[in-house]
């Protein structure tokens, strides 16, 4: 496991997690192609200047046979008072945007060997799981 965040202060808050911590940005990941079996990006894609550039980077570092799990604020209609209040709170904070689940799914499917599906969710939250087909590489120690 490797943690990545653009903020040194946020990484410092994870000092008790014994894994490498990298200060970096989603739109320019400091990793080789196909580095990870699982890439998780939660509540960050909607905050970067170019989310599709960041999505390109996230897909790039997923190994063949690996997966990308993406959670974000979706532009789905509110289904009740709680959804509506959460949406208003996020808009008030002004720290991100609501993204189209279907557009993100289409964008991921354009990358080589990715299949994507939406995980059922409620409210402004959405989760996508994308698997990169191909044989996983074996690592010998």
C-alpha atoms as a PDB file:
ATOM      1  CA  UNK A   1       0.000   0.000   0.000  1.00  0.00           C
ATOM      2  CA  UNK A   2       1.141   3.521  -0.793  1.00  0.00           C
ATOM      3  CA  UNK A   3      -0.555   6.749   0.280  1.00  0.00           C
ATOM      4  CA  UNK A   4      -0.524   9.785  -1.988  1.00  0.00           C
ATOM      5  CA  UNK A   5      -1.691  13.298  -1.171  1.00  0.00           C
ATOM      6  CA  UNK A   6      -0.642  16.762  -2.354  1.00  0.00           C
ATOM      7  CA  UNK A   7      -0.588  17.963   1.254  1.00  0.00           C
ATOM      8  CA  UNK A   8       2.351  17.154   3.508  1.00  0.00           C
ATOM      9  CA  UNK A   9       0.112  17.968   6.484  1.00  0.00           C
ATOM     10  CA  UNK A  10      -2.418  15.313   5.458  1.00  0.00           C
ATOM     11  CA  UNK A  11       0.317  12.735   4.986  1.00  0.00           C
ATOM     12  CA  UNK A  12       1.691  13.622   8.435  1.00  0.00           C
ATOM     13  CA  UNK A  13      -1.727  12.806   9.905  1.00  0.00           C
ATOM     14  CA  UNK A  14      -1.185   9.251   8.635  1.00  0.00           C
ATOM     15  CA  UNK A  15       2.155   8.827  10.412  1.00  0.00           C
ATOM     16  CA  UNK A  16       0.832   5.791  12.304  1.00  0.00           C
ATOM     17  CA  UNK A  17       0.193   3.880   9.058  1.00  0.00           C
ATOM     18  CA  UNK A  18       3.409   1.974   8.252  1.00  0.00           C
ATOM     19  CA  UNK A  19       3.420   2.396   4.461  1.00  0.00           C
ATOM     20  CA  UNK A  20       5.214   4.669   2.005  1.00  0.00           C
ATOM     21  CA  UNK A  21       3.723   8.161   1.851  1.00  0.00           C
ATOM     22  CA  UNK A  22       4.228  10.180  -1.313  1.00  0.00           C
ATOM     23  CA  UNK A  23       3.477  13.854  -1.719  1.00  0.00           C
ATOM     24  CA  UNK A  24       2.089  14.155  -5.230  1.00  0.00           C
ATOM     25  CA  UNK A  25      -0.835  15.068  -7.429  1.00  0.00           C
ATOM     26  CA  UNK A  26      -3.476  12.990  -9.194  1.00  0.00           C
ATOM     27  CA  UNK A  27      -2.838  14.684 -12.521  1.00  0.00           C
ATOM     28  CA  UNK A  28       0.831  13.626 -12.527  1.00  0.00           C
ATOM     29  CA  UNK A  29       1.236  10.408 -10.535  1.00  0.00           C
ATOM     30  CA  UNK A  30       4.876   9.655  -9.663  1.00  0.00           C
ATOM     31  CA  UNK A  31       4.561   5.930 -10.470  1.00  0.00           C
ATOM     32  CA  UNK A  32       5.465   3.724 -13.437  1.00  0.00           C
ATOM     33  CA  UNK A  33       2.755   2.346 -15.731  1.00  0.00           C
ATOM     34  CA  UNK A  34       1.019  -0.717 -14.280  1.00  0.00           C
ATOM     35  CA  UNK A  35       2.466  -0.323 -10.781  1.00  0.00           C
ATOM     36  CA  UNK A  36      -0.555  -1.282  -8.652  1.00  0.00           C
ATOM     37  CA  UNK A  37      -2.957  -4.204  -8.334  1.00  0.00           C
ATOM     38  CA  UNK A  38      -5.573  -1.917  -6.779  1.00  0.00           C
ATOM     39  CA  UNK A  39      -5.867   1.855  -7.081  1.00  0.00           C
ATOM     40  CA  UNK A  40      -8.381   3.612  -4.850  1.00  0.00           C
ATOM     41  CA  UNK A  41      -9.343   7.248  -5.256  1.00  0.00           C
ATOM     42  CA  UNK A  42     -11.995   8.512  -2.854  1.00  0.00           C
ATOM     43  CA  UNK A  43     -13.448  12.014  -2.812  1.00  0.00           C
ATOM     44  CA  UNK A  44     -10.544  13.581  -4.700  1.00  0.00           C
ATOM     45  CA  UNK A  45     -11.230  13.359  -8.441  1.00  0.00           C
ATOM     46  CA  UNK A  46     -13.924  16.031  -8.238  1.00  0.00           C
ATOM     47  CA  UNK A  47     -11.483  18.486  -6.623  1.00  0.00           C
ATOM     48  CA  UNK A  48      -8.701  18.567  -9.243  1.00  0.00           C
ATOM     49  CA  UNK A  49      -8.570  21.134 -12.075  1.00  0.00           C
ATOM     50  CA  UNK A  50      -8.755  18.463 -14.825  1.00  0.00           C
ATOM     51  CA  UNK A  51     -10.488  15.315 -13.563  1.00  0.00           C
ATOM     52  CA  UNK A  52     -10.099  13.514 -16.900  1.00  0.00           C
ATOM     53  CA  UNK A  53      -6.329  14.006 -16.858  1.00  0.00           C
ATOM     54  CA  UNK A  54      -6.311  12.621 -13.308  1.00  0.00           C
ATOM     55  CA  UNK A  55      -8.474   9.695 -14.451  1.00  0.00           C
ATOM     56  CA  UNK A  56      -5.964   8.981 -17.221  1.00  0.00           C
ATOM     57  CA  UNK A  57      -3.203   8.845 -14.613  1.00  0.00           C
ATOM     58  CA  UNK A  58      -5.209   6.587 -12.287  1.00  0.00           C
ATOM     59  CA  UNK A  59      -5.925   4.118 -15.093  1.00  0.00           C
ATOM     60  CA  UNK A  60      -2.309   4.241 -16.277  1.00  0.00           C
ATOM     61  CA  UNK A  61      -0.938   2.915 -12.994  1.00  0.00           C
ATOM     62  CA  UNK A  62      -3.361  -0.052 -12.746  1.00  0.00           C
ATOM     63  CA  UNK A  63      -1.614  -3.350 -13.541  1.00  0.00           C
ATOM     64  CA  UNK A  64      -3.168  -5.860 -15.979  1.00  0.00           C
ATOM     65  CA  UNK A  65      -5.573  -7.947 -13.912  1.00  0.00           C
ATOM     66  CA  UNK A  66      -5.878  -5.088 -11.418  1.00  0.00           C
ATOM     67  CA  UNK A  67      -8.707  -2.757 -10.502  1.00  0.00           C
ATOM     68  CA  UNK A  68      -9.580   0.889  -9.950  1.00  0.00           C
ATOM     69  CA  UNK A  69     -12.106   1.843  -7.268  1.00  0.00           C
ATOM     70  CA  UNK A  70     -13.347   5.393  -7.633  1.00  0.00           C
ATOM     71  CA  UNK A  71     -15.696   7.198  -5.197  1.00  0.00           C
ATOM     72  CA  UNK A  72     -16.880  10.711  -6.028  1.00  0.00           C
ATOM     73  CA  UNK A  73     -19.705  13.230  -5.800  1.00  0.00           C
ATOM     74  CA  UNK A  74     -22.135  12.364  -8.590  1.00  0.00           C
ATOM     75  CA  UNK A  75     -24.540  14.695 -10.323  1.00  0.00           C
ATOM     76  CA  UNK A  76     -27.460  12.346  -9.656  1.00  0.00           C
ATOM     77  CA  UNK A  77     -30.761  13.922  -8.580  1.00  0.00           C
ATOM     78  CA  UNK A  78     -31.394  14.214  -4.839  1.00  0.00           C
ATOM     79  CA  UNK A  79     -33.808  11.547  -3.570  1.00  0.00           C
ATOM     80  CA  UNK A  80     -34.903  13.111  -0.320  1.00  0.00           C
ATOM     81  CA  UNK A  81     -34.146  15.707   2.308  1.00  0.00           C
ATOM     82  CA  UNK A  82     -30.872  14.119   3.469  1.00  0.00           C
ATOM     83  CA  UNK A  83     -29.558  13.925  -0.118  1.00  0.00           C
ATOM     84  CA  UNK A  84     -30.610  17.499  -0.764  1.00  0.00           C
ATOM     85  CA  UNK A  85     -28.936  18.791   2.408  1.00  0.00           C
ATOM     86  CA  UNK A  86     -25.701  16.927   1.623  1.00  0.00           C
ATOM     87  CA  UNK A  87     -25.677  18.351  -1.897  1.00  0.00           C
ATOM     88  CA  UNK A  88     -26.215  21.901  -0.583  1.00  0.00           C
ATOM     89  CA  UNK A  89     -23.447  21.460   2.007  1.00  0.00           C
ATOM     90  CA  UNK A  90     -20.991  20.327  -0.681  1.00  0.00           C
ATOM     91  CA  UNK A  91     -21.944  23.212  -2.953  1.00  0.00           C
ATOM     92  CA  UNK A  92     -21.607  25.664  -0.062  1.00  0.00           C
ATOM     93  CA  UNK A  93     -18.089  24.464   0.745  1.00  0.00           C
ATOM     94  CA  UNK A  94     -17.077  24.976  -2.886  1.00  0.00           C
ATOM     95  CA  UNK A  95     -14.323  22.364  -2.726  1.00  0.00           C
ATOM     96  CA  UNK A  96     -15.281  20.341  -5.769  1.00  0.00           C
ATOM     97  CA  UNK A  97     -17.821  19.597  -8.447  1.00  0.00           C
ATOM     98  CA  UNK A  98     -20.506  17.006  -9.047  1.00  0.00           C
ATOM     99  CA  UNK A  99     -19.458  14.639 -11.807  1.00  0.00           C
ATOM    100  CA  UNK A 100     -21.424  12.563 -14.289  1.00  0.00           C
ATOM    101  CA  UNK A 101     -21.298   8.862 -13.415  1.00  0.00           C
ATOM    102  CA  UNK A 102     -22.085   7.858 -17.004  1.00  0.00           C
ATOM    103  CA  UNK A 103     -19.394  10.155 -18.480  1.00  0.00           C
ATOM    104  CA  UNK A 104     -16.773   8.791 -16.096  1.00  0.00           C
ATOM    105  CA  UNK A 105     -17.806   5.227 -16.948  1.00  0.00           C
ATOM    106  CA  UNK A 106     -17.489   5.984 -20.675  1.00  0.00           C
ATOM    107  CA  UNK A 107     -14.111   7.638 -20.153  1.00  0.00           C
ATOM    108  CA  UNK A 108     -12.745   4.622 -18.247  1.00  0.00           C
ATOM    109  CA  UNK A 109     -14.049   2.210 -20.892  1.00  0.00           C
ATOM    110  CA  UNK A 110     -12.032   4.100 -23.535  1.00  0.00           C
ATOM    111  CA  UNK A 111      -8.812   3.036 -21.832  1.00  0.00           C
ATOM    112  CA  UNK A 112      -7.286  -0.210 -23.024  1.00  0.00           C
ATOM    113  CA  UNK A 113      -8.760  -3.347 -21.443  1.00  0.00           C
ATOM    114  CA  UNK A 114     -10.997  -1.725 -18.810  1.00  0.00           C
ATOM    115  CA  UNK A 115     -14.477  -2.894 -17.886  1.00  0.00           C
ATOM    116  CA  UNK A 116     -16.391  -0.687 -15.477  1.00  0.00           C
ATOM    117  CA  UNK A 117     -19.518  -1.008 -13.387  1.00  0.00           C
ATOM    118  CA  UNK A 118     -21.320   1.246 -10.964  1.00  0.00           C
ATOM    119  CA  UNK A 119     -21.805   0.081  -7.404  1.00  0.00           C
ATOM    120  CA  UNK A 120     -25.339   0.913  -6.181  1.00  0.00           C
ATOM    121  CA  UNK A 121     -25.319   3.928  -3.875  1.00  0.00           C
ATOM    122  CA  UNK A 122     -27.558   6.684  -2.573  1.00  0.00           C
ATOM    123  CA  UNK A 123     -27.248  10.415  -2.265  1.00  0.00           C
ATOM    124  CA  UNK A 124     -24.643  12.432  -4.077  1.00  0.00           C
ATOM    125  CA  UNK A 125     -22.096   9.643  -3.639  1.00  0.00           C
ATOM    126  CA  UNK A 126     -21.165   7.281  -6.442  1.00  0.00           C
ATOM    127  CA  UNK A 127     -18.674   4.436  -6.650  1.00  0.00           C
ATOM    128  CA  UNK A 128     -17.263   2.859  -9.790  1.00  0.00           C
ATOM    129  CA  UNK A 129     -15.249  -0.333  -9.956  1.00  0.00           C
ATOM    130  CA  UNK A 130     -13.132  -0.836 -13.069  1.00  0.00           C
ATOM    131  CA  UNK A 131     -11.150  -3.964 -13.798  1.00  0.00           C
ATOM    132  CA  UNK A 132      -8.269  -4.053 -16.247  1.00  0.00           C
ATOM    133  CA  UNK A 133      -8.325  -7.334 -18.116  1.00  0.00           C
ATOM    134  CA  UNK A 134      -5.195  -9.256 -18.843  1.00  0.00           C
ATOM    135  CA  UNK A 135      -3.047 -11.607 -16.906  1.00  0.00           C
ATOM    136  CA  UNK A 136      -1.781 -10.373 -13.593  1.00  0.00           C
ATOM    137  CA  UNK A 137       1.981 -10.478 -13.506  1.00  0.00           C
ATOM    138  CA  UNK A 138       3.626 -12.810 -11.027  1.00  0.00           C
ATOM    139  CA  UNK A 139       6.307 -11.383  -8.801  1.00  0.00           C
ATOM    140  CA  UNK A 140       9.001 -13.779  -7.636  1.00  0.00           C
ATOM    141  CA  UNK A 141      10.907 -13.034  -4.472  1.00  0.00           C
END
